[in-house]
Amino acid sequence: MEKIHFILFKAGCSASFLGRIHNIKRMTLVMSLGPVIPSSIKNNKNIEVVSFSKEAFIEHSEGLKNLISPAKSDTKFQLTFEKTPINKEILDAFLNLKEVDTKSLFLFIYTYCLGMNREYYSDLWNHVVGGKTSILNFIINNINSSDTVSDYAEHFKISVRSLNHLFLEQFNVSAKQWIINRRVENGRKLLLTTNLKISEIAIDCGFSNHAHFSEVYKKKYGNSPSSARFQNLQLS
């Protein structure tokens, strides 16, 4: 699945992008799109990398919408090797947030990049999320409801097929699979950080019952919710 990578070069070096070699100056932030980061970059101690799925753009659309310029109907976005200079304060904030709060890090980085080149990063944003932000954002914000794919489609007056096409286009999975994945991930967080009963977690995360949650959980993580909670308690 394609991801958005923010690559911070603490020292100058060369990097390959779209088949070309680029010379990068020290204290430079580069944004890249792609499924993976080359190991030559990942393993370089002078380079910091943080990656986000397209969901990050959608989740932060409300916080950044006033900074994003409107999409240009007559212009097709062209991805370039955009280099943004940074200073020590930006570097320190990047490193601190990377360790404790990646969601805030995304908001911080993108706000900074918009301040440096609003046109390019607005075009990038509009390219990634298109005109579907309201639909995806609604589902993300209501992910723990018991609504089905059909319910969401009906809410927006579109077909289930159209909704599935949107999710396949954005996340490379069907709407149903994406929703189930998010719900079970939310359930795992509650399972390992609260004392809620498993049956309560199941309902709180949009599953119809305990058994359905347990079945999905075991399929994704390889053990039952009760076993996962017990193992977590043993380690704490």
Protein backbone atom coordinates (compact mmCIF):
# COMPACT_ATOMS: atom_id res chain seq x y z
CA MET A 1 0.00 0.00 0.00
CA GLU A 2 1.32 3.42 -0.94
CA LYS A 3 2.47 5.54 1.98
CA ILE A 4 3.63 9.09 2.53
CA HIS A 5 7.20 9.29 3.82
CA PHE A 6 8.75 12.33 5.47
CA ILE A 7 12.53 12.02 5.32
CA LEU A 8 14.70 14.35 7.35
CA PHE A 9 18.36 14.62 6.33
CA LYS A 10 20.52 15.70 9.28
CA ALA A 11 23.63 15.53 7.08
CA GLY A 12 24.12 16.03 3.35
CA CYS A 13 24.04 12.95 1.10
CA SER A 14 22.77 11.58 -2.21
CA ALA A 15 19.38 9.88 -2.61
CA SER A 16 17.60 8.14 -5.49
CA PHE A 17 14.09 9.29 -6.40
CA LEU A 18 12.05 8.28 -9.46
CA GLY A 19 15.18 6.93 -11.13
CA ARG A 20 17.31 10.03 -10.54
CA ILE A 21 20.07 10.74 -8.03
CA HIS A 22 19.59 13.93 -5.99
CA ASN A 23 22.13 15.68 -3.81
CA ILE A 24 20.49 16.63 -0.52
CA LYS A 25 21.87 19.35 1.74
CA ARG A 26 22.01 18.91 5.51
CA MET A 27 18.95 19.94 7.52
CA THR A 28 16.51 19.25 4.69
CA LEU A 29 13.07 17.65 4.83
CA VAL A 30 11.93 15.62 1.82
CA MET A 31 8.50 14.13 1.18
CA SER A 32 8.12 10.93 -0.85
CA LEU A 33 5.22 8.70 -1.93
CA GLY A 34 5.61 4.94 -2.29
CA PRO A 35 5.08 1.54 -0.65
CA VAL A 36 8.53 1.31 0.96
CA ILE A 37 11.63 3.34 1.84
CA PRO A 38 14.95 2.03 0.40
CA SER A 39 17.11 0.30 3.02
CA SER A 40 20.00 2.64 2.16
CA ILE A 41 17.91 5.48 3.60
CA LYS A 42 16.31 3.50 6.42
CA ASN A 43 19.66 2.36 7.82
CA ASN A 44 21.43 5.72 7.61
CA LYS A 45 21.88 7.18 11.11
CA ASN A 46 21.93 10.71 9.67
CA ILE A 47 18.45 10.29 8.21
CA GLU A 48 15.17 10.23 10.14
CA VAL A 49 12.11 8.72 8.48
CA VAL A 50 8.47 8.69 9.51
CA SER A 51 5.78 7.14 7.30
CA PHE A 52 2.01 7.59 7.25
CA SER A 53 -0.83 5.92 5.38
CA LYS A 54 -3.27 7.99 3.37
CA GLU A 55 -5.61 7.80 6.35
CA ALA A 56 -3.47 10.40 8.12
CA PHE A 57 -4.41 12.96 5.47
CA ILE A 58 -8.09 12.22 5.95
CA GLU A 59 -7.96 12.14 9.75
CA HIS A 60 -6.34 15.58 9.86
CA SER A 61 -8.46 17.17 7.15
CA GLU A 62 -10.49 19.13 9.70
CA GLY A 63 -7.41 20.58 11.41
CA LEU A 64 -5.73 21.63 8.18
CA LYS A 65 -8.63 22.54 5.90
CA ASN A 66 -8.21 26.29 6.48
CA LEU A 67 -4.57 26.09 5.37
CA ILE A 68 -5.16 24.06 2.20
CA SER A 69 -5.70 25.96 -1.03
CA PRO A 70 -8.68 24.81 -3.16
CA ALA A 71 -8.04 22.10 -5.74
CA LYS A 72 -7.29 23.28 -9.28
CA SER A 73 -9.74 21.70 -11.69
CA ASP A 74 -7.56 22.35 -14.74
CA THR A 75 -4.21 21.13 -13.39
CA LYS A 76 -3.00 17.57 -12.89
CA PHE A 77 -0.69 17.17 -9.90
CA GLN A 78 2.90 16.20 -10.65
CA LEU A 79 4.92 14.66 -7.85
CA THR A 80 8.36 16.27 -7.58
CA PHE A 81 11.33 15.81 -5.30
CA GLU A 82 10.26 18.64 -3.02
CA LYS A 83 13.02 19.74 -0.62
CA THR A 84 12.16 21.90 2.38
CA PRO A 85 14.88 23.47 4.56
CA ILE A 86 14.56 23.11 8.34
CA ASN A 87 16.34 24.54 11.37
CA LYS A 88 17.39 23.06 14.73
CA GLU A 89 14.05 23.89 16.37
CA ILE A 90 12.14 21.98 13.70
CA LEU A 91 14.57 19.06 13.98
CA ASP A 92 14.18 18.90 17.77
CA ALA A 93 10.39 19.03 17.53
CA PHE A 94 10.44 16.31 14.85
CA LEU A 95 12.56 13.98 16.98
CA ASN A 96 10.56 14.58 20.16
CA LEU A 97 7.16 14.05 18.54
CA LYS A 98 8.40 11.01 16.64
CA GLU A 99 9.00 9.27 19.96
CA VAL A 100 5.73 10.12 21.68
CA ASP A 101 2.98 11.24 19.30
CA THR A 102 3.12 10.46 15.59
CA LYS A 103 -0.36 11.90 14.96
CA SER A 104 0.73 15.30 16.26
CA LEU A 105 3.96 14.88 14.29
CA PHE A 106 2.03 14.59 11.03
CA LEU A 107 0.03 17.72 11.81
CA PHE A 108 3.20 19.58 12.80
CA ILE A 109 5.18 18.55 9.70
CA TYR A 110 2.41 19.27 7.25
CA THR A 111 1.61 22.65 8.77
CA TYR A 112 5.29 23.56 8.50
CA CYS A 113 5.50 22.38 4.88
CA LEU A 114 2.39 24.36 3.96
CA GLY A 115 4.02 27.44 5.45
CA MET A 116 7.08 26.91 3.29
CA ASN A 117 5.31 25.98 0.03
CA ARG A 118 1.55 26.25 0.28
CA GLU A 119 0.86 25.70 -3.41
CA TYR A 120 2.76 22.40 -3.72
CA TYR A 121 1.58 20.85 -0.46
CA SER A 122 -2.01 21.94 -1.07
CA ASP A 123 -1.87 20.28 -4.48
CA LEU A 124 -0.39 17.15 -2.91
CA TRP A 125 -3.13 17.09 -0.27
CA ASN A 126 -5.88 17.47 -2.85
CA HIS A 127 -4.22 14.79 -4.99
CA VAL A 128 -4.20 12.27 -2.12
CA VAL A 129 -7.67 12.83 -0.67
CA GLY A 130 -9.46 14.00 -3.80
CA GLY A 131 -13.05 15.04 -3.18
CA LYS A 132 -13.85 12.11 -0.92
CA THR A 133 -12.71 13.54 2.40
CA SER A 134 -16.19 14.03 3.84
CA ILE A 135 -17.19 10.40 3.26
CA LEU A 136 -13.99 8.88 4.61
CA ASN A 137 -13.80 11.30 7.53
CA PHE A 138 -17.38 10.48 8.54
CA ILE A 139 -16.65 6.75 8.57
CA ILE A 140 -13.41 7.24 10.52
CA ASN A 141 -15.19 9.37 13.12
CA ASN A 142 -18.02 6.84 13.44
CA ILE A 143 -15.95 3.68 13.10
CA ASN A 144 -17.05 2.27 16.46
CA SER A 145 -20.74 2.40 15.62
CA SER A 146 -22.44 -0.82 14.58
CA ASP A 147 -23.17 0.57 11.11
CA THR A 148 -22.55 -1.74 8.17
CA VAL A 149 -21.12 -0.85 4.78
CA SER A 150 -24.70 -0.68 3.50
CA ASP A 151 -25.61 1.77 6.27
CA TYR A 152 -22.71 4.06 5.37
CA ALA A 153 -23.54 3.88 1.67
CA GLU A 154 -27.17 4.74 2.38
CA HIS A 155 -26.12 7.68 4.55
CA PHE A 156 -24.27 9.24 1.60
CA LYS A 157 -26.83 8.14 -1.01
CA ILE A 158 -24.29 6.11 -2.95
CA SER A 159 -24.11 2.42 -3.86
CA VAL A 160 -22.16 -0.15 -1.86
CA ARG A 161 -20.17 -0.76 -5.04
CA SER A 162 -19.17 2.92 -5.22
CA LEU A 163 -18.15 2.92 -1.56
CA ASN A 164 -16.04 -0.19 -2.05
CA HIS A 165 -14.41 1.38 -5.10
CA LEU A 166 -13.48 4.40 -2.99
CA PHE A 167 -11.80 2.23 -0.35
CA LEU A 168 -10.01 0.10 -2.91
CA GLU A 169 -8.74 3.27 -4.57
CA GLN A 170 -7.57 4.87 -1.32
CA PHE A 171 -6.51 1.90 0.84
CA ASN A 172 -6.34 -1.13 -1.48
CA VAL A 173 -8.93 -3.08 0.57
CA SER A 174 -12.71 -3.31 0.53
CA ALA A 175 -14.76 -1.03 2.76
CA LYS A 176 -15.87 -3.98 4.90
CA GLN A 177 -12.32 -5.23 5.47
CA TRP A 178 -11.01 -1.76 6.27
CA ILE A 179 -13.81 -1.13 8.78
CA ILE A 180 -13.29 -4.51 10.48
CA ASN A 181 -9.53 -3.91 10.68
CA ARG A 182 -9.99 -0.53 12.32
CA ARG A 183 -12.57 -1.86 14.78
CA VAL A 184 -10.44 -4.79 15.89
CA GLU A 185 -7.38 -2.51 16.23
CA ASN A 186 -9.42 -0.19 18.46
CA GLY A 187 -10.59 -3.22 20.41
CA ARG A 188 -7.02 -4.38 20.95
CA LYS A 189 -6.09 -0.99 22.41
CA LEU A 190 -8.96 -1.18 24.88
CA LEU A 191 -8.15 -4.80 25.66
CA LEU A 192 -4.56 -3.99 26.64
CA THR A 193 -5.11 -0.63 28.34
CA THR A 194 -8.42 -0.96 30.22
CA ASN A 195 -10.25 -3.36 32.53
CA LEU A 196 -13.40 -3.41 30.41
CA LYS A 197 -14.99 -6.82 29.89
CA ILE A 198 -14.31 -8.32 26.48
CA SER A 199 -18.05 -8.33 25.76
CA GLU A 200 -18.16 -4.59 26.51
CA ILE A 201 -15.16 -3.93 24.26
CA ALA A 202 -16.83 -5.85 21.44
CA ILE A 203 -19.97 -3.70 21.60
CA ASP A 204 -18.02 -0.45 22.12
CA CYS A 205 -16.01 -1.15 18.96
CA GLY A 206 -18.96 -1.90 16.72
CA PHE A 207 -19.02 -5.71 16.81
CA SER A 208 -22.37 -7.45 17.13
CA ASN A 209 -21.22 -9.66 20.02
CA HIS A 210 -18.30 -11.12 21.97
CA ALA A 211 -17.98 -14.14 19.67
CA HIS A 212 -17.68 -12.06 16.50
CA PHE A 213 -14.99 -9.85 18.06
CA SER A 214 -13.06 -12.90 19.30
CA GLU A 215 -13.22 -14.56 15.89
CA VAL A 216 -11.92 -11.48 14.07
CA TYR A 217 -9.29 -10.81 16.76
CA LYS A 218 -7.87 -14.35 16.60
CA LYS A 219 -7.75 -14.24 12.81
CA LYS A 220 -5.77 -10.99 12.85
CA TYR A 221 -3.48 -11.50 15.87
CA GLY A 222 -3.21 -15.28 16.18
CA ASN A 223 -4.60 -15.62 19.70
CA SER A 224 -7.85 -14.96 21.53
CA PRO A 225 -8.62 -11.66 23.28
CA SER A 226 -8.56 -13.35 26.69
CA SER A 227 -5.14 -14.89 25.98
CA ALA A 228 -3.78 -11.55 24.77
CA ARG A 229 -4.98 -9.79 27.91
CA PHE A 230 -3.52 -12.50 30.16
CA GLN A 231 -0.14 -12.33 28.41
CA ASN A 232 -0.14 -8.55 28.69
CA LEU A 233 -0.84 -8.74 32.44
CA GLN A 234 2.01 -11.23 32.86
CA LEU A 235 4.43 -8.78 31.24
CA SER A 236 3.30 -5.74 33.22
